[in-house]
């Protein structure tokens, strides 16, 4: 799906401001499709995308990461915040965050959904060159962390953009000191439905 090779791409994050959006729909490669509060990211939005012109889903998470704690923090169920980007229900249904509160699936993902990740702190994210098919319903796989030793991991550097699939294991690592960490995630089309916590985009009126 990707039309651009980001293997050598380095982005420069804007000044930290505490801005945040989660899974906000927008038009990839078109900064005019994001609200003005995210204007500092417009240059990145215009140049970093999976398929220009397609609907994508944007997460920007700027927050204080505390010494000794991973940015993923309390969302991790286990000692290591190891996870896949999507959960999986029995059969072939891939979902977001479990996606079945009250027994109802709210979000499903196509298996070929692609994701771009970047952050502004060296070595705060580890990625393994594997797929973990037998993931949990919410993506947390810290219970099988022994399968993913750090010796086999790729550690992202500040501003490095990495493309992964929804079942590729990665881990938010404890930071060495208090740090204003900035995290960027771009998800391709192929996401169906929405959770209540997804950020709405007032510039796009159609449902996704």
C-alpha atoms as a PDB file:
ATOM      1  CA  UNK A   1       0.000   0.000   0.000  1.00  0.00           C
ATOM      2  CA  UNK A   2       2.815   2.403   0.775  1.00  0.00           C
ATOM      3  CA  UNK A   3       3.869   4.585  -2.136  1.00  0.00           C
ATOM      4  CA  UNK A   4       6.890   6.108  -0.407  1.00  0.00           C
ATOM      5  CA  UNK A   5       9.948   4.489   1.164  1.00  0.00           C
ATOM      6  CA  UNK A   6      10.458   6.103   4.570  1.00  0.00           C
ATOM      7  CA  UNK A   7      13.406   3.931   5.590  1.00  0.00           C
ATOM      8  CA  UNK A   8      15.765   6.927   5.568  1.00  0.00           C
ATOM      9  CA  UNK A   9      13.241   9.634   6.409  1.00  0.00           C
ATOM     10  CA  UNK A  10      13.922  11.879   9.391  1.00  0.00           C
ATOM     11  CA  UNK A  11      11.206  14.237  10.567  1.00  0.00           C
ATOM     12  CA  UNK A  12      11.628  17.225  12.851  1.00  0.00           C
ATOM     13  CA  UNK A  13       8.985  17.451  15.535  1.00  0.00           C
ATOM     14  CA  UNK A  14       7.558  20.902  16.324  1.00  0.00           C
ATOM     15  CA  UNK A  15       7.947  22.548  19.698  1.00  0.00           C
ATOM     16  CA  UNK A  16       6.150  20.603  22.428  1.00  0.00           C
ATOM     17  CA  UNK A  17       2.724  22.030  23.280  1.00  0.00           C
ATOM     18  CA  UNK A  18       0.809  19.119  24.821  1.00  0.00           C
ATOM     19  CA  UNK A  19      -1.439  18.685  21.786  1.00  0.00           C
ATOM     20  CA  UNK A  20      -3.192  15.332  21.392  1.00  0.00           C
ATOM     21  CA  UNK A  21      -5.505  13.545  18.993  1.00  0.00           C
ATOM     22  CA  UNK A  22      -6.335   9.855  18.772  1.00  0.00           C
ATOM     23  CA  UNK A  23      -7.258   8.065  15.544  1.00  0.00           C
ATOM     24  CA  UNK A  24      -8.518  11.278  13.937  1.00  0.00           C
ATOM     25  CA  UNK A  25      -9.578  10.791  10.303  1.00  0.00           C
ATOM     26  CA  UNK A  26      -7.909  13.072   7.757  1.00  0.00           C
ATOM     27  CA  UNK A  27      -6.708  13.038   4.154  1.00  0.00           C
ATOM     28  CA  UNK A  28      -3.195  11.678   3.893  1.00  0.00           C
ATOM     29  CA  UNK A  29      -0.688  14.145   2.481  1.00  0.00           C
ATOM     30  CA  UNK A  30      -3.121  17.060   2.835  1.00  0.00           C
ATOM     31  CA  UNK A  31      -2.430  19.304   5.819  1.00  0.00           C
ATOM     32  CA  UNK A  32      -5.516  21.390   5.050  1.00  0.00           C
ATOM     33  CA  UNK A  33      -7.619  18.427   6.234  1.00  0.00           C
ATOM     34  CA  UNK A  34      -6.462  18.729   9.864  1.00  0.00           C
ATOM     35  CA  UNK A  35      -7.827  21.354  12.316  1.00  0.00           C
ATOM     36  CA  UNK A  36      -5.770  24.440  13.130  1.00  0.00           C
ATOM     37  CA  UNK A  37      -4.789  23.219  16.610  1.00  0.00           C
ATOM     38  CA  UNK A  38      -2.496  20.727  14.877  1.00  0.00           C
ATOM     39  CA  UNK A  39      -0.971  23.332  12.563  1.00  0.00           C
ATOM     40  CA  UNK A  40       2.600  22.783  13.866  1.00  0.00           C
ATOM     41  CA  UNK A  41       2.406  19.292  12.325  1.00  0.00           C
ATOM     42  CA  UNK A  42       1.275  20.437   8.889  1.00  0.00           C
ATOM     43  CA  UNK A  43       4.694  20.100   7.242  1.00  0.00           C
ATOM     44  CA  UNK A  44       4.950  16.530   8.491  1.00  0.00           C
ATOM     45  CA  UNK A  45       1.394  15.744   7.375  1.00  0.00           C
ATOM     46  CA  UNK A  46       2.091  17.062   3.884  1.00  0.00           C
ATOM     47  CA  UNK A  47       5.205  14.940   3.416  1.00  0.00           C
ATOM     48  CA  UNK A  48       4.662  11.740   5.435  1.00  0.00           C
ATOM     49  CA  UNK A  49       1.862   9.419   4.341  1.00  0.00           C
ATOM     50  CA  UNK A  50       1.101   5.868   3.283  1.00  0.00           C
ATOM     51  CA  UNK A  51      -1.043   6.658   0.250  1.00  0.00           C
ATOM     52  CA  UNK A  52      -1.537  10.302  -0.645  1.00  0.00           C
ATOM     53  CA  UNK A  53      -5.180  11.279  -1.012  1.00  0.00           C
ATOM     54  CA  UNK A  54      -6.554   8.290   0.912  1.00  0.00           C
ATOM     55  CA  UNK A  55      -8.304   8.625   4.231  1.00  0.00           C
ATOM     56  CA  UNK A  56      -5.886   7.985   7.086  1.00  0.00           C
ATOM     57  CA  UNK A  57      -6.093   8.061  10.868  1.00  0.00           C
ATOM     58  CA  UNK A  58      -3.802  10.369  12.796  1.00  0.00           C
ATOM     59  CA  UNK A  59      -2.572  10.079  16.361  1.00  0.00           C
ATOM     60  CA  UNK A  60      -0.427  12.799  17.927  1.00  0.00           C
ATOM     61  CA  UNK A  61       0.355  12.240  21.589  1.00  0.00           C
ATOM     62  CA  UNK A  62       2.440  14.861  23.365  1.00  0.00           C
ATOM     63  CA  UNK A  63       2.783  14.184  27.067  1.00  0.00           C
ATOM     64  CA  UNK A  64       5.240  13.968  29.927  1.00  0.00           C
ATOM     65  CA  UNK A  65       6.843  10.528  30.120  1.00  0.00           C
ATOM     66  CA  UNK A  66       8.067   9.911  33.661  1.00  0.00           C
ATOM     67  CA  UNK A  67      11.457   8.415  34.481  1.00  0.00           C
ATOM     68  CA  UNK A  68      11.317   4.629  34.615  1.00  0.00           C
ATOM     69  CA  UNK A  69       7.869   4.441  32.989  1.00  0.00           C
ATOM     70  CA  UNK A  70       7.032   3.767  29.319  1.00  0.00           C
ATOM     71  CA  UNK A  71       4.999   6.355  27.412  1.00  0.00           C
ATOM     72  CA  UNK A  72       2.293   3.694  26.978  1.00  0.00           C
ATOM     73  CA  UNK A  73       2.117   3.715  30.782  1.00  0.00           C
ATOM     74  CA  UNK A  74      -0.996   2.355  32.484  1.00  0.00           C
ATOM     75  CA  UNK A  75      -2.412   0.998  29.224  1.00  0.00           C
ATOM     76  CA  UNK A  76       0.094  -1.853  29.451  1.00  0.00           C
ATOM     77  CA  UNK A  77      -1.175  -4.890  31.351  1.00  0.00           C
ATOM     78  CA  UNK A  78       2.202  -6.500  31.940  1.00  0.00           C
ATOM     79  CA  UNK A  79       5.671  -5.535  33.146  1.00  0.00           C
ATOM     80  CA  UNK A  80       6.752  -4.914  29.548  1.00  0.00           C
ATOM     81  CA  UNK A  81       4.537  -2.696  27.375  1.00  0.00           C
ATOM     82  CA  UNK A  82       4.871  -5.098  24.430  1.00  0.00           C
ATOM     83  CA  UNK A  83       1.973  -5.039  22.012  1.00  0.00           C
ATOM     84  CA  UNK A  84       0.651  -5.246  18.483  1.00  0.00           C
ATOM     85  CA  UNK A  85      -1.239  -2.327  16.964  1.00  0.00           C
ATOM     86  CA  UNK A  86      -4.491  -4.296  16.759  1.00  0.00           C
ATOM     87  CA  UNK A  87      -6.195  -6.942  18.823  1.00  0.00           C
ATOM     88  CA  UNK A  88      -7.600 -10.107  17.381  1.00  0.00           C
ATOM     89  CA  UNK A  89     -10.833 -11.891  18.200  1.00  0.00           C
ATOM     90  CA  UNK A  90     -11.341 -15.586  17.421  1.00  0.00           C
ATOM     91  CA  UNK A  91     -11.304 -16.249  13.695  1.00  0.00           C
ATOM     92  CA  UNK A  92     -10.056 -13.494  11.426  1.00  0.00           C
ATOM     93  CA  UNK A  93     -11.503 -10.354  13.013  1.00  0.00           C
ATOM     94  CA  UNK A  94      -8.880  -7.734  13.824  1.00  0.00           C
ATOM     95  CA  UNK A  95     -10.115  -5.020  16.122  1.00  0.00           C
ATOM     96  CA  UNK A  96      -8.984  -1.851  17.843  1.00  0.00           C
ATOM     97  CA  UNK A  97      -8.490  -1.910  21.598  1.00  0.00           C
ATOM     98  CA  UNK A  98     -10.563  -5.052  21.967  1.00  0.00           C
ATOM     99  CA  UNK A  99     -13.346  -3.381  20.002  1.00  0.00           C
ATOM    100  CA  UNK A 100     -16.142  -5.429  21.536  1.00  0.00           C
ATOM    101  CA  UNK A 101     -17.323  -3.687  24.686  1.00  0.00           C
ATOM    102  CA  UNK A 102     -20.654  -5.168  25.717  1.00  0.00           C
ATOM    103  CA  UNK A 103     -20.201  -7.934  23.171  1.00  0.00           C
ATOM    104  CA  UNK A 104     -20.413  -5.574  20.207  1.00  0.00           C
ATOM    105  CA  UNK A 105     -17.515  -5.099  17.814  1.00  0.00           C
ATOM    106  CA  UNK A 106     -17.063  -1.364  17.255  1.00  0.00           C
ATOM    107  CA  UNK A 107     -13.969  -1.340  15.068  1.00  0.00           C
ATOM    108  CA  UNK A 108     -12.583  -3.843  12.594  1.00  0.00           C
ATOM    109  CA  UNK A 109      -9.397  -3.570  10.561  1.00  0.00           C
ATOM    110  CA  UNK A 110      -8.347  -5.082   7.278  1.00  0.00           C
ATOM    111  CA  UNK A 111      -5.305  -7.283   7.790  1.00  0.00           C
ATOM    112  CA  UNK A 112      -3.274  -5.263   5.253  1.00  0.00           C
ATOM    113  CA  UNK A 113      -3.621  -1.981   7.183  1.00  0.00           C
ATOM    114  CA  UNK A 114      -0.205  -0.278   7.394  1.00  0.00           C
ATOM    115  CA  UNK A 115       1.115   2.061  10.053  1.00  0.00           C
ATOM    116  CA  UNK A 116       3.814   4.724  10.275  1.00  0.00           C
ATOM    117  CA  UNK A 117       5.389   5.374  13.681  1.00  0.00           C
ATOM    118  CA  UNK A 118       7.775   8.076  14.901  1.00  0.00           C
ATOM    119  CA  UNK A 119       8.716   9.761  18.160  1.00  0.00           C
ATOM    120  CA  UNK A 120      11.171  12.365  19.421  1.00  0.00           C
ATOM    121  CA  UNK A 121      13.246  10.295  21.861  1.00  0.00           C
ATOM    122  CA  UNK A 122      16.046   7.922  20.907  1.00  0.00           C
ATOM    123  CA  UNK A 123      15.590   4.285  21.890  1.00  0.00           C
ATOM    124  CA  UNK A 124      12.154   4.706  23.490  1.00  0.00           C
ATOM    125  CA  UNK A 125      10.484   2.327  21.041  1.00  0.00           C
ATOM    126  CA  UNK A 126      11.631  -1.197  20.135  1.00  0.00           C
ATOM    127  CA  UNK A 127      10.310  -3.090  17.111  1.00  0.00           C
ATOM    128  CA  UNK A 128      10.783  -6.733  16.143  1.00  0.00           C
ATOM    129  CA  UNK A 129      10.974  -7.941  12.547  1.00  0.00           C
ATOM    130  CA  UNK A 130       8.219 -10.532  13.031  1.00  0.00           C
ATOM    131  CA  UNK A 131       4.441 -10.917  13.045  1.00  0.00           C
ATOM    132  CA  UNK A 132       2.611 -12.133  16.127  1.00  0.00           C
ATOM    133  CA  UNK A 133      -0.526 -13.783  14.770  1.00  0.00           C
ATOM    134  CA  UNK A 134      -1.752 -15.085  18.119  1.00  0.00           C
ATOM    135  CA  UNK A 135      -2.191 -11.658  19.657  1.00  0.00           C
ATOM    136  CA  UNK A 136      -4.675 -10.829  22.406  1.00  0.00           C
ATOM    137  CA  UNK A 137      -8.045  -9.125  22.012  1.00  0.00           C
ATOM    138  CA  UNK A 138      -6.499  -5.738  22.901  1.00  0.00           C
ATOM    139  CA  UNK A 139      -3.036  -6.314  21.418  1.00  0.00           C
ATOM    140  CA  UNK A 140      -1.112  -6.642  24.696  1.00  0.00           C
ATOM    141  CA  UNK A 141       1.398  -9.501  24.472  1.00  0.00           C
ATOM    142  CA  UNK A 142       3.630  -8.717  27.421  1.00  0.00           C
ATOM    143  CA  UNK A 143       2.846 -12.171  28.796  1.00  0.00           C
ATOM    144  CA  UNK A 144       5.009 -13.684  26.026  1.00  0.00           C
ATOM    145  CA  UNK A 145       7.809 -11.104  26.225  1.00  0.00           C
ATOM    146  CA  UNK A 146      10.352 -13.914  26.481  1.00  0.00           C
ATOM    147  CA  UNK A 147       9.803 -14.453  22.735  1.00  0.00           C
ATOM    148  CA  UNK A 148      11.048 -10.924  22.037  1.00  0.00           C
ATOM    149  CA  UNK A 149      14.505 -10.305  23.543  1.00  0.00           C
ATOM    150  CA  UNK A 150      15.960  -6.840  23.120  1.00  0.00           C
ATOM    151  CA  UNK A 151      18.981  -8.307  21.354  1.00  0.00           C
ATOM    152  CA  UNK A 152      16.720  -8.936  18.345  1.00  0.00           C
ATOM    153  CA  UNK A 153      14.952  -5.559  18.398  1.00  0.00           C
ATOM    154  CA  UNK A 154      15.244  -2.469  16.227  1.00  0.00           C
ATOM    155  CA  UNK A 155      15.394   0.686  18.369  1.00  0.00           C
ATOM    156  CA  UNK A 156      13.913   3.794  16.771  1.00  0.00           C
ATOM    157  CA  UNK A 157      15.875   7.018  16.846  1.00  0.00           C
ATOM    158  CA  UNK A 158      14.373  10.462  17.285  1.00  0.00           C
ATOM    159  CA  UNK A 159      12.505  11.511  14.152  1.00  0.00           C
ATOM    160  CA  UNK A 160      12.944   8.147  12.425  1.00  0.00           C
ATOM    161  CA  UNK A 161       9.808   7.003  10.597  1.00  0.00           C
ATOM    162  CA  UNK A 162       9.085   3.270  10.620  1.00  0.00           C
ATOM    163  CA  UNK A 163       6.402   1.424   8.665  1.00  0.00           C
ATOM    164  CA  UNK A 164       4.855  -1.660  10.286  1.00  0.00           C
ATOM    165  CA  UNK A 165       1.833  -3.931   9.956  1.00  0.00           C
ATOM    166  CA  UNK A 166      -0.901  -4.343  12.552  1.00  0.00           C
ATOM    167  CA  UNK A 167       0.543  -7.581  13.983  1.00  0.00           C
ATOM    168  CA  UNK A 168       4.182  -6.533  14.252  1.00  0.00           C
ATOM    169  CA  UNK A 169       5.331  -6.563  17.913  1.00  0.00           C
ATOM    170  CA  UNK A 170       6.713  -3.333  19.313  1.00  0.00           C
ATOM    171  CA  UNK A 171       7.267  -1.918  22.745  1.00  0.00           C
ATOM    172  CA  UNK A 172       7.186   1.457  24.432  1.00  0.00           C
ATOM    173  CA  UNK A 173      10.256   1.423  26.681  1.00  0.00           C
ATOM    174  CA  UNK A 174      10.758   3.048  30.094  1.00  0.00           C
ATOM    175  CA  UNK A 175      12.443   6.421  29.686  1.00  0.00           C
ATOM    176  CA  UNK A 176      15.684   7.260  31.483  1.00  0.00           C
ATOM    177  CA  UNK A 177      14.499  10.650  32.734  1.00  0.00           C
ATOM    178  CA  UNK A 178      11.350  12.781  32.733  1.00  0.00           C
ATOM    179  CA  UNK A 179      10.837  13.813  29.134  1.00  0.00           C
ATOM    180  CA  UNK A 180       8.246  15.653  27.028  1.00  0.00           C
ATOM    181  CA  UNK A 181       7.763  12.846  24.534  1.00  0.00           C
ATOM    182  CA  UNK A 182       6.049  13.378  21.197  1.00  0.00           C
ATOM    183  CA  UNK A 183       4.568  10.372  19.434  1.00  0.00           C
ATOM    184  CA  UNK A 184       3.200  10.296  15.891  1.00  0.00           C
ATOM    185  CA  UNK A 185       1.195   7.484  14.314  1.00  0.00           C
ATOM    186  CA  UNK A 186      -0.392   7.437  10.856  1.00  0.00           C
ATOM    187  CA  UNK A 187      -2.708   4.559   9.964  1.00  0.00           C
ATOM    188  CA  UNK A 188      -3.842   3.743   6.449  1.00  0.00           C
ATOM    189  CA  UNK A 189      -7.381   3.264   5.225  1.00  0.00           C
ATOM    190  CA  UNK A 190      -8.961  -0.086   6.076  1.00  0.00           C
ATOM    191  CA  UNK A 191     -10.307   0.902   9.500  1.00  0.00           C
ATOM    192  CA  UNK A 192     -14.054   0.332   9.811  1.00  0.00           C
ATOM    193  CA  UNK A 193     -16.068   1.850  12.665  1.00  0.00           C
ATOM    194  CA  UNK A 194     -14.937   4.011  15.565  1.00  0.00           C
ATOM    195  CA  UNK A 195     -14.504   4.011  19.324  1.00  0.00           C
ATOM    196  CA  UNK A 196     -15.821   6.842  21.493  1.00  0.00           C
ATOM    197  CA  UNK A 197     -12.294   8.001  22.316  1.00  0.00           C
ATOM    198  CA  UNK A 198     -11.354   8.554  18.652  1.00  0.00           C
ATOM    199  CA  UNK A 199     -10.911  12.258  17.958  1.00  0.00           C
ATOM    200  CA  UNK A 200     -13.506  13.729  15.613  1.00  0.00           C
ATOM    201  CA  UNK A 201     -12.373  15.897  12.722  1.00  0.00           C
ATOM    202  CA  UNK A 202     -14.795  18.784  12.124  1.00  0.00           C
ATOM    203  CA  UNK A 203     -13.276  19.312   8.656  1.00  0.00           C
ATOM    204  CA  UNK A 204     -14.447  15.900   7.466  1.00  0.00           C
ATOM    205  CA  UNK A 205     -18.180  15.359   7.635  1.00  0.00           C
ATOM    206  CA  UNK A 206     -18.545  11.823   6.295  1.00  0.00           C
ATOM    207  CA  UNK A 207     -18.414   8.865   8.701  1.00  0.00           C
ATOM    208  CA  UNK A 208     -15.520   6.376   8.615  1.00  0.00           C
END
